[in-house]
N, C-alpha and C. Protein backbone atom coordinates (compact mmCIF):
# COMPACT_ATOMS: atom_id res chain seq x y z
N MET A 1 6.96 -0.20 24.70
CA MET A 1 7.83 -0.92 23.63
C MET A 1 8.51 0.33 23.08
N ALA A 2 9.77 0.46 22.62
CA ALA A 2 10.60 1.47 22.15
C ALA A 2 10.24 1.75 20.81
N ALA A 3 9.42 0.91 20.12
CA ALA A 3 9.15 1.41 18.67
C ALA A 3 7.94 2.36 18.68
N ASN A 4 7.51 3.08 19.86
CA ASN A 4 6.33 3.82 19.78
C ASN A 4 6.79 5.13 19.23
N ASP A 5 7.90 5.53 19.43
CA ASP A 5 8.69 6.75 18.44
C ASP A 5 8.75 6.32 17.08
N PHE A 6 8.46 7.26 16.22
CA PHE A 6 8.60 7.07 14.91
C PHE A 6 9.72 6.58 14.42
N ASN A 7 10.84 6.99 14.70
CA ASN A 7 11.98 6.85 14.17
C ASN A 7 12.63 5.26 14.71
N ASP A 8 12.01 5.02 16.03
CA ASP A 8 12.51 3.81 16.43
C ASP A 8 11.59 2.65 15.61
N ARG A 9 10.42 3.17 15.45
CA ARG A 9 9.47 2.24 14.55
C ARG A 9 10.15 1.95 13.31
N ILE A 10 10.70 2.84 12.35
CA ILE A 10 11.16 2.77 11.20
C ILE A 10 12.40 1.89 11.20
N ARG A 11 13.37 2.11 12.33
CA ARG A 11 14.30 1.31 12.48
C ARG A 11 14.29 -0.03 12.85
N PHE A 12 13.19 -0.38 13.67
CA PHE A 12 12.55 -1.88 14.07
C PHE A 12 11.96 -2.42 12.54
N GLY A 13 11.64 -1.71 11.87
CA GLY A 13 11.06 -2.28 10.48
C GLY A 13 12.22 -2.43 9.84
N SER A 14 13.00 -1.79 9.67
CA SER A 14 14.40 -1.98 8.83
C SER A 14 15.19 -3.16 9.26
N LEU A 15 15.34 -3.39 10.45
CA LEU A 15 15.69 -4.45 11.19
C LEU A 15 15.25 -5.74 10.79
N TYR A 16 13.81 -5.75 10.90
CA TYR A 16 13.00 -6.89 10.39
C TYR A 16 13.14 -7.19 9.07
N GLU A 17 13.38 -6.06 8.19
CA GLU A 17 13.44 -6.35 6.56
C GLU A 17 14.77 -6.89 6.52
N THR A 18 15.84 -6.75 7.26
CA THR A 18 17.02 -7.30 7.00
C THR A 18 17.32 -8.63 7.76
N TYR A 19 16.72 -8.73 8.81
CA TYR A 19 17.06 -9.99 9.66
C TYR A 19 15.67 -10.79 9.88
N GLY A 20 14.72 -10.37 9.21
CA GLY A 20 13.57 -11.14 9.63
C GLY A 20 13.54 -12.66 9.15
N ALA A 21 14.31 -13.20 8.44
CA ALA A 21 14.37 -14.54 8.03
C ALA A 21 15.03 -15.23 9.09
N LEU A 22 15.69 -14.72 10.15
CA LEU A 22 16.28 -15.45 10.99
C LEU A 22 15.51 -15.56 12.25
N LEU A 23 14.19 -15.04 12.24
CA LEU A 23 13.38 -15.29 13.34
C LEU A 23 12.49 -16.26 13.13
N THR A 24 11.90 -16.97 14.33
CA THR A 24 11.00 -18.06 14.24
C THR A 24 9.66 -17.67 13.45
N LYS A 25 8.90 -18.60 13.00
CA LYS A 25 7.70 -18.45 12.30
C LYS A 25 6.81 -17.67 12.90
N LYS A 26 6.66 -18.15 14.41
CA LYS A 26 5.65 -17.34 15.41
C LYS A 26 6.10 -15.69 15.60
N GLN A 27 7.35 -15.61 15.49
CA GLN A 27 7.93 -14.12 15.75
C GLN A 27 7.86 -13.17 14.46
N GLN A 28 7.84 -13.99 13.35
CA GLN A 28 7.55 -13.48 11.98
C GLN A 28 6.13 -12.88 11.87
N GLN A 29 5.50 -13.98 12.23
CA GLN A 29 3.91 -13.71 12.17
C GLN A 29 3.44 -12.62 12.95
N CYS A 30 3.88 -12.61 14.19
CA CYS A 30 3.55 -11.37 14.95
C CYS A 30 3.75 -10.13 14.40
N LEU A 31 5.25 -10.02 13.91
CA LEU A 31 5.71 -8.74 13.50
C LEU A 31 5.09 -8.51 12.15
N GLU A 32 4.50 -9.25 11.27
CA GLU A 32 3.94 -9.08 10.20
C GLU A 32 2.42 -8.43 10.45
N LEU A 33 1.97 -9.12 11.40
CA LEU A 33 0.53 -8.49 12.07
C LEU A 33 0.88 -7.10 12.65
N TYR A 34 1.72 -6.94 13.20
CA TYR A 34 2.09 -5.60 13.97
C TYR A 34 2.32 -4.45 12.69
N PHE A 35 3.51 -4.96 11.84
CA PHE A 35 3.87 -3.78 10.91
C PHE A 35 3.17 -3.79 9.63
N CYS A 36 2.82 -4.84 9.36
CA CYS A 36 2.18 -4.80 7.78
C CYS A 36 0.52 -4.70 7.99
N GLU A 37 0.14 -5.48 8.86
CA GLU A 37 -1.47 -5.55 8.91
C GLU A 37 -1.87 -4.47 10.02
N ASP A 38 -0.98 -3.46 10.65
CA ASP A 38 -1.06 -2.49 11.37
C ASP A 38 -1.88 -2.80 12.65
N CYS A 39 -2.23 -4.22 13.07
CA CYS A 39 -3.03 -4.71 13.95
C CYS A 39 -2.52 -4.08 15.64
N SER A 40 -3.52 -4.10 16.43
CA SER A 40 -2.98 -3.73 17.88
C SER A 40 -2.51 -4.82 18.61
N LEU A 41 -2.09 -4.65 19.73
CA LEU A 41 -1.72 -5.72 20.23
C LEU A 41 -2.72 -6.76 20.87
N ALA A 42 -3.81 -6.26 21.02
CA ALA A 42 -4.99 -7.03 21.48
C ALA A 42 -5.40 -7.81 20.43
N GLU A 43 -5.46 -7.08 19.10
CA GLU A 43 -5.95 -8.09 17.83
C GLU A 43 -4.78 -9.12 17.46
N ILE A 44 -3.59 -8.90 17.66
CA ILE A 44 -2.67 -9.85 17.72
C ILE A 44 -2.79 -10.72 18.52
N ALA A 45 -3.17 -10.52 19.87
CA ALA A 45 -3.15 -11.55 20.88
C ALA A 45 -4.36 -12.54 20.54
N GLU A 46 -5.43 -11.89 20.00
CA GLU A 46 -6.44 -12.65 19.66
C GLU A 46 -6.33 -13.69 18.37
N GLU A 47 -5.65 -13.20 17.52
CA GLU A 47 -5.06 -14.00 16.44
C GLU A 47 -4.20 -15.21 16.64
N MET A 48 -3.28 -14.60 17.66
CA MET A 48 -2.37 -15.87 17.93
C MET A 48 -2.68 -16.49 19.15
N GLN A 49 -3.93 -16.33 19.62
CA GLN A 49 -4.36 -16.91 20.91
C GLN A 49 -3.47 -16.98 22.20
N VAL A 50 -3.02 -15.84 22.37
CA VAL A 50 -2.09 -15.66 23.65
C VAL A 50 -2.67 -14.06 24.12
N SER A 51 -2.21 -13.98 25.21
CA SER A 51 -2.29 -12.69 26.08
C SER A 51 -1.62 -11.55 25.31
N ARG A 52 -2.30 -10.38 25.61
CA ARG A 52 -1.87 -9.05 25.30
C ARG A 52 -0.51 -8.87 25.47
N GLN A 53 -0.41 -9.32 27.01
CA GLN A 53 1.09 -9.09 27.49
C GLN A 53 1.99 -9.95 26.77
N ALA A 54 1.52 -11.18 26.41
CA ALA A 54 2.50 -12.08 25.75
C ALA A 54 2.99 -11.49 24.55
N VAL A 55 2.11 -10.92 23.65
CA VAL A 55 2.36 -10.22 22.52
C VAL A 55 3.31 -8.90 22.70
N HIS A 56 3.09 -8.22 23.80
CA HIS A 56 4.12 -7.06 24.15
C HIS A 56 5.41 -7.70 24.18
N ASP A 57 5.38 -8.56 25.38
CA ASP A 57 6.88 -9.35 25.48
C ASP A 57 7.46 -9.91 24.48
N LEU A 58 6.67 -10.54 23.63
CA LEU A 58 7.38 -11.17 22.37
C LEU A 58 7.84 -10.01 21.22
N LEU A 59 7.19 -8.98 21.40
CA LEU A 59 7.67 -7.81 20.33
C LEU A 59 8.79 -7.27 20.91
N LYS A 60 9.03 -7.22 22.13
CA LYS A 60 10.25 -6.63 22.89
C LYS A 60 11.40 -7.62 22.66
N ARG A 61 11.20 -8.91 22.93
CA ARG A 61 12.37 -9.85 22.77
C ARG A 61 12.93 -10.02 21.41
N VAL A 62 11.92 -9.73 20.72
CA VAL A 62 12.16 -9.50 18.97
C VAL A 62 13.13 -8.47 18.65
N GLU A 63 12.65 -7.31 19.31
CA GLU A 63 13.22 -6.20 19.00
C GLU A 63 14.95 -6.32 19.58
N GLN A 64 14.97 -6.80 20.81
CA GLN A 64 16.16 -6.89 21.32
C GLN A 64 17.34 -8.01 20.50
N THR A 65 16.34 -9.15 20.11
CA THR A 65 16.98 -10.01 19.08
C THR A 65 17.51 -9.43 17.90
N LEU A 66 16.77 -8.60 17.18
CA LEU A 66 17.18 -8.02 15.98
C LEU A 66 18.12 -6.94 16.07
N GLU A 67 18.34 -6.30 17.48
CA GLU A 67 19.34 -5.26 17.71
C GLU A 67 20.61 -6.08 17.79
N HIS A 68 20.44 -7.25 18.51
CA HIS A 68 21.67 -7.94 18.36
C HIS A 68 22.14 -8.57 17.26
N TYR A 69 21.42 -9.23 16.47
CA TYR A 69 21.73 -9.41 14.89
C TYR A 69 22.54 -8.14 14.18
N GLU A 70 21.94 -7.15 14.39
CA GLU A 70 22.62 -5.88 13.75
C GLU A 70 23.99 -5.61 14.40
N LYS A 71 24.06 -5.78 15.91
CA LYS A 71 25.37 -5.59 16.52
C LYS A 71 26.49 -6.55 15.97
N ILE A 72 26.13 -7.86 15.98
CA ILE A 72 27.18 -8.70 15.53
C ILE A 72 27.45 -8.56 14.05
N LEU A 73 26.15 -8.46 13.00
CA LEU A 73 26.48 -8.61 11.59
C LEU A 73 26.87 -7.25 11.06
N GLY A 74 25.93 -6.19 11.59
CA GLY A 74 26.12 -4.81 10.77
C GLY A 74 25.63 -4.76 9.64
N PHE A 75 24.73 -5.74 8.95
CA PHE A 75 24.32 -5.24 7.67
C PHE A 75 23.62 -3.94 7.51
N LEU A 76 22.67 -3.73 8.37
CA LEU A 76 21.98 -2.68 8.30
C LEU A 76 22.92 -1.14 8.10
N GLN A 77 23.77 -1.29 9.00
CA GLN A 77 24.56 -0.25 9.04
C GLN A 77 25.55 -0.04 7.96
N ARG A 78 26.12 -1.12 7.17
CA ARG A 78 26.62 -1.07 6.12
C ARG A 78 25.92 -0.61 4.89
N MET A 79 24.46 -1.16 4.72
CA MET A 79 23.59 -0.59 3.72
C MET A 79 23.25 0.86 3.63
N GLU A 80 23.03 1.41 5.27
CA GLU A 80 22.87 2.78 5.19
C GLU A 80 24.13 3.58 5.02
N ARG A 81 25.23 2.87 5.11
CA ARG A 81 26.69 3.80 4.79
C ARG A 81 26.85 3.75 3.07
N THR A 82 26.45 2.62 2.64
CA THR A 82 26.55 2.61 1.22
C THR A 82 25.58 3.29 0.47
N ARG A 83 24.52 3.47 1.03
CA ARG A 83 23.23 4.48 0.50
C ARG A 83 23.73 5.98 0.49
N ALA A 84 24.38 6.27 1.65
CA ALA A 84 24.83 7.71 1.87
C ALA A 84 26.01 7.97 0.99
N LEU A 85 26.76 6.95 1.02
CA LEU A 85 28.02 7.36 -0.15
C LEU A 85 27.43 7.25 -1.57
N THR A 86 26.57 6.54 -1.89
CA THR A 86 26.13 6.48 -3.21
C THR A 86 25.41 7.91 -3.50
N ASP A 87 24.62 8.39 -2.71
CA ASP A 87 24.11 9.63 -2.63
C ASP A 87 25.03 11.03 -2.93
N GLU A 88 26.00 10.58 -1.89
CA GLU A 88 26.91 11.72 -2.16
C GLU A 88 27.89 11.84 -3.45
N ALA A 89 28.14 10.73 -3.97
CA ALA A 89 28.73 10.40 -5.35
C ALA A 89 27.99 10.89 -6.43
N ALA A 90 26.81 10.64 -6.45
CA ALA A 90 25.61 11.20 -7.29
C ALA A 90 25.52 12.70 -7.22
N LEU A 91 25.61 13.28 -6.36
CA LEU A 91 25.56 14.88 -5.95
C LEU A 91 26.87 15.37 -6.50
N LEU A 92 27.94 14.63 -6.38
CA LEU A 92 29.20 15.15 -6.67
C LEU A 92 29.39 15.15 -8.15
N LEU A 93 29.00 13.93 -8.71
CA LEU A 93 28.96 13.90 -10.21
C LEU A 93 27.93 14.95 -10.96
N ASP A 94 27.00 15.08 -10.39
CA ASP A 94 26.21 16.13 -11.00
C ASP A 94 26.98 17.56 -11.10
N GLY A 95 27.35 17.72 -9.80
CA GLY A 95 28.16 19.11 -9.85
C GLY A 95 29.28 19.27 -10.53
N ALA A 96 30.22 18.22 -10.68
CA ALA A 96 31.13 18.04 -11.70
C ALA A 96 30.99 18.04 -13.17
N GLN A 97 29.76 17.60 -13.51
CA GLN A 97 29.30 17.56 -14.96
C GLN A 97 29.20 19.00 -15.22
N LYS A 98 28.49 19.83 -14.18
CA LYS A 98 28.24 21.33 -14.54
C LYS A 98 29.41 22.13 -14.71
N ASP A 99 30.39 21.88 -13.80
CA ASP A 99 31.56 22.89 -13.77
C ASP A 99 32.92 22.31 -13.98
N ASN A 100 32.94 20.89 -14.65
CA ASN A 100 34.02 20.25 -14.81
C ASN A 100 35.21 20.32 -13.74
N ASN A 101 34.70 19.91 -12.55
CA ASN A 101 35.49 19.98 -11.47
C ASN A 101 36.21 18.84 -11.01
N ASN A 102 37.52 18.72 -11.07
CA ASN A 102 38.16 17.59 -10.92
C ASN A 102 38.21 17.23 -9.42
N GLU A 103 38.14 18.23 -8.34
CA GLU A 103 38.17 17.84 -7.00
C GLU A 103 37.03 16.97 -6.68
N ARG A 104 35.84 17.35 -7.20
CA ARG A 104 34.67 16.33 -7.08
C ARG A 104 34.76 15.12 -7.71
N LEU A 105 35.59 15.00 -8.92
CA LEU A 105 35.55 13.72 -9.41
C LEU A 105 36.70 12.90 -8.66
N SER A 106 37.61 13.29 -8.01
CA SER A 106 38.64 12.89 -7.10
C SER A 106 37.76 12.40 -5.96
N ARG A 107 36.98 13.23 -5.30
CA ARG A 107 36.02 12.64 -4.26
C ARG A 107 35.23 11.44 -4.64
N VAL A 108 34.53 11.46 -5.83
CA VAL A 108 33.72 10.39 -6.44
C VAL A 108 34.66 8.95 -6.43
N ARG A 109 35.81 9.30 -6.96
CA ARG A 109 36.75 7.74 -6.95
C ARG A 109 36.94 7.52 -5.56
N GLU A 110 37.37 8.50 -4.59
CA GLU A 110 37.25 7.73 -3.30
C GLU A 110 36.19 7.17 -2.70
N ILE A 111 35.25 7.58 -2.92
CA ILE A 111 33.75 6.95 -2.66
C ILE A 111 33.84 5.60 -3.28
N LEU A 112 34.01 5.57 -4.78
CA LEU A 112 33.98 3.99 -5.04
C LEU A 112 34.90 3.46 -4.67
N VAL A 113 36.08 3.56 -4.33
CA VAL A 113 36.96 2.85 -3.56
C VAL A 113 36.65 2.32 -2.32
N GLU A 114 36.27 3.09 -1.69
CA GLU A 114 35.50 2.87 -0.36
C GLU A 114 34.35 1.75 -0.40
N LEU A 115 33.55 2.15 -1.33
CA LEU A 115 32.43 1.11 -1.54
C LEU A 115 33.13 -0.46 -1.96
N ASN A 116 33.79 -0.39 -2.72
CA ASN A 116 34.46 -1.58 -3.27
C ASN A 116 35.28 -2.19 -2.05
N GLU A 117 35.65 -1.64 -1.15
CA GLU A 117 36.58 -2.19 -0.02
C GLU A 117 35.58 -2.63 0.91
N SER A 118 34.45 -2.04 1.08
CA SER A 118 33.31 -2.62 2.14
C SER A 118 32.80 -3.79 1.76
N ARG A 119 32.89 -4.35 0.65
CA ARG A 119 32.16 -5.71 0.04
C ARG A 119 32.56 -6.76 1.16
């Protein structure tokens, strides 16, 4: 499964947080056991009364489904962009307050306009 890598696992969790409500109850249960309860594939298989391979396949399909939702809707990408712009604006404001820099304040204004347009 691609989520073995730490960054992939974080992304998978973020996708689940964003789009989890669009999944079936069975898919949600499997991901809750996998991420929140930190159960192994064998433990999930026992809980769901399916084979370990079925759990593996389900997780793989769910990962593809979540990536598909992100490709179509792009909510996670927009949230990450908004977070990055907000962080940049906060740093610029801190610096502008210290040295009364109009260039930094202009950039903050540009960021706020971009954030408003992306709604």
